[in-house]
Amino acid sequence: MSYEPDTLNIKSEYGVAAAIEAKRIAEKYGKDFLDCDDLVKIMGVGKNNIRQMLNCDSFPTTEIGNRKVVSVIAFTLWSLKQSQF
């Protein structure tokens, strides 16, 4: 598979931005997985909206026991993907 130079640069910048943001979030919250309460704080929306998001197939959750969580890097990549135009 070949990439045009501009496309490769965008993908590289996207990956670097995701890594930096994931590191910042992980350090701020002191963990590698985010739960509902963390996502409420980060996204500034209510728990009901976060719960709906956690149950959506397009959101990258992981189940730990009966809890749904999202890894910081998966959340960051998902968030960046949502903001693409």
C-alpha atoms as a PDB file:
ATOM      1  CA  MET A   1       0.000   0.000   0.000  1.00  0.00           C
ATOM      2  CA  SER A   2       1.370   3.401  -0.887  1.00  0.00           C
ATOM      3  CA  TYR A   3       0.510   6.761   0.601  1.00  0.00           C
ATOM      4  CA  GLU A   4       0.748  10.219  -0.831  1.00  0.00           C
ATOM      5  CA  PRO A   5       3.255  12.290   1.195  1.00  0.00           C
ATOM      6  CA  ASP A   6       0.542  14.618   2.571  1.00  0.00           C
ATOM      7  CA  THR A   7      -1.592  11.676   3.692  1.00  0.00           C
ATOM      8  CA  LEU A   8       1.367  10.087   5.460  1.00  0.00           C
ATOM      9  CA  ASN A   9       2.149  13.343   7.264  1.00  0.00           C
ATOM     10  CA  ILE A  10      -1.469  13.714   8.399  1.00  0.00           C
ATOM     11  CA  LYS A  11      -1.547  10.145   9.696  1.00  0.00           C
ATOM     12  CA  SER A  12       1.761  10.671  11.509  1.00  0.00           C
ATOM     13  CA  GLU A  13       0.556  13.928  13.060  1.00  0.00           C
ATOM     14  CA  TYR A  14      -2.696  12.228  14.066  1.00  0.00           C
ATOM     15  CA  GLY A  15      -0.779   9.446  15.834  1.00  0.00           C
ATOM     16  CA  VAL A  16       1.540  11.868  17.609  1.00  0.00           C
ATOM     17  CA  ALA A  17      -1.392  14.020  18.743  1.00  0.00           C
ATOM     18  CA  ALA A  18      -3.226  10.928  20.023  1.00  0.00           C
ATOM     19  CA  ALA A  19      -0.171   9.733  21.958  1.00  0.00           C
ATOM     20  CA  ILE A  20       0.422  13.127  23.567  1.00  0.00           C
ATOM     21  CA  GLU A  21      -3.229  13.550  24.530  1.00  0.00           C
ATOM     22  CA  ALA A  22      -3.488   9.970  25.854  1.00  0.00           C
ATOM     23  CA  LYS A  23      -0.410  10.510  28.009  1.00  0.00           C
ATOM     24  CA  ARG A  24      -1.824  13.783  29.355  1.00  0.00           C
ATOM     25  CA  ILE A  25      -5.161  12.190  30.271  1.00  0.00           C
ATOM     26  CA  ALA A  26      -3.538   9.100  31.818  1.00  0.00           C
ATOM     27  CA  GLU A  27      -1.288  11.267  33.985  1.00  0.00           C
ATOM     28  CA  LYS A  28      -4.116  13.610  34.982  1.00  0.00           C
ATOM     29  CA  TYR A  29      -6.405  10.776  36.101  1.00  0.00           C
ATOM     30  CA  GLY A  30      -3.633   8.430  37.253  1.00  0.00           C
ATOM     31  CA  LYS A  31      -4.959   5.440  35.336  1.00  0.00           C
ATOM     32  CA  ASP A  32      -4.961   3.753  31.959  1.00  0.00           C
ATOM     33  CA  PHE A  33      -8.707   3.023  31.829  1.00  0.00           C
ATOM     34  CA  LEU A  34     -11.511   5.548  32.209  1.00  0.00           C
ATOM     35  CA  ASP A  35     -14.872   4.841  33.812  1.00  0.00           C
ATOM     36  CA  CYS A  36     -18.208   6.636  33.573  1.00  0.00           C
ATOM     37  CA  ASP A  37     -17.302   9.282  36.167  1.00  0.00           C
ATOM     38  CA  ASP A  38     -14.013  10.084  34.424  1.00  0.00           C
ATOM     39  CA  LEU A  39     -15.762  10.463  31.070  1.00  0.00           C
ATOM     40  CA  VAL A  40     -18.375  12.779  32.619  1.00  0.00           C
ATOM     41  CA  LYS A  41     -15.545  15.064  33.784  1.00  0.00           C
ATOM     42  CA  ILE A  42     -13.638  14.919  30.506  1.00  0.00           C
ATOM     43  CA  MET A  43     -16.568  15.360  28.158  1.00  0.00           C
ATOM     44  CA  GLY A  44     -18.724  17.637  30.274  1.00  0.00           C
ATOM     45  CA  VAL A  45     -21.946  15.721  29.671  1.00  0.00           C
ATOM     46  CA  GLY A  46     -24.273  13.864  32.003  1.00  0.00           C
ATOM     47  CA  LYS A  47     -24.003  10.282  33.197  1.00  0.00           C
ATOM     48  CA  ASN A  48     -26.980   9.172  31.109  1.00  0.00           C
ATOM     49  CA  ASN A  49     -25.256  10.351  27.932  1.00  0.00           C
ATOM     50  CA  ILE A  50     -22.024   8.619  28.944  1.00  0.00           C
ATOM     51  CA  ARG A  51     -23.865   5.386  29.742  1.00  0.00           C
ATOM     52  CA  GLN A  52     -25.500   5.468  26.296  1.00  0.00           C
ATOM     53  CA  MET A  53     -22.094   6.035  24.736  1.00  0.00           C
ATOM     54  CA  LEU A  54     -20.560   3.143  26.712  1.00  0.00           C
ATOM     55  CA  ASN A  55     -23.302   0.869  25.369  1.00  0.00           C
ATOM     56  CA  CYS A  56     -22.885   2.003  21.761  1.00  0.00           C
ATOM     57  CA  ASP A  57     -21.171  -0.501  19.451  1.00  0.00           C
ATOM     58  CA  SER A  58     -19.023   2.217  17.877  1.00  0.00           C
ATOM     59  CA  PHE A  59     -17.469   3.227  21.219  1.00  0.00           C
ATOM     60  CA  PRO A  60     -14.354   1.195  22.161  1.00  0.00           C
ATOM     61  CA  THR A  61     -15.295  -0.206  25.572  1.00  0.00           C
ATOM     62  CA  THR A  62     -13.783  -3.043  27.548  1.00  0.00           C
ATOM     63  CA  GLU A  63     -15.722  -4.966  30.174  1.00  0.00           C
ATOM     64  CA  ILE A  64     -14.096  -5.570  33.538  1.00  0.00           C
ATOM     65  CA  GLY A  65     -16.500  -7.655  35.553  1.00  0.00           C
ATOM     66  CA  ASN A  66     -19.838  -5.932  35.094  1.00  0.00           C
ATOM     67  CA  ARG A  67     -18.243  -2.497  34.501  1.00  0.00           C
ATOM     68  CA  LYS A  68     -17.597  -0.950  31.119  1.00  0.00           C
ATOM     69  CA  VAL A  69     -14.444   1.107  30.791  1.00  0.00           C
ATOM     70  CA  VAL A  70     -12.402   2.516  27.925  1.00  0.00           C
ATOM     71  CA  SER A  71      -8.634   2.616  27.631  1.00  0.00           C
ATOM     72  CA  VAL A  72      -7.192   6.111  27.513  1.00  0.00           C
ATOM     73  CA  ILE A  73      -5.593   5.544  24.112  1.00  0.00           C
ATOM     74  CA  ALA A  74      -8.784   4.047  22.625  1.00  0.00           C
ATOM     75  CA  PHE A  75     -10.806   6.980  23.958  1.00  0.00           C
ATOM     76  CA  THR A  76      -8.299   9.470  22.571  1.00  0.00           C
ATOM     77  CA  LEU A  77      -8.276   7.865  19.126  1.00  0.00           C
ATOM     78  CA  TRP A  78     -12.086   7.671  19.127  1.00  0.00           C
ATOM     79  CA  SER A  79     -12.324  11.311  20.166  1.00  0.00           C
ATOM     80  CA  LEU A  80      -9.933  12.478  17.457  1.00  0.00           C
ATOM     81  CA  LYS A  81     -11.787  10.423  14.858  1.00  0.00           C
ATOM     82  CA  GLN A  82     -15.091  12.049  15.903  1.00  0.00           C
ATOM     83  CA  SER A  83     -13.637  15.524  15.432  1.00  0.00           C
ATOM     84  CA  GLN A  84     -12.312  14.930  11.906  1.00  0.00           C
ATOM     85  CA  PHE A  85     -13.912  16.985   9.199  1.00  0.00           C
END
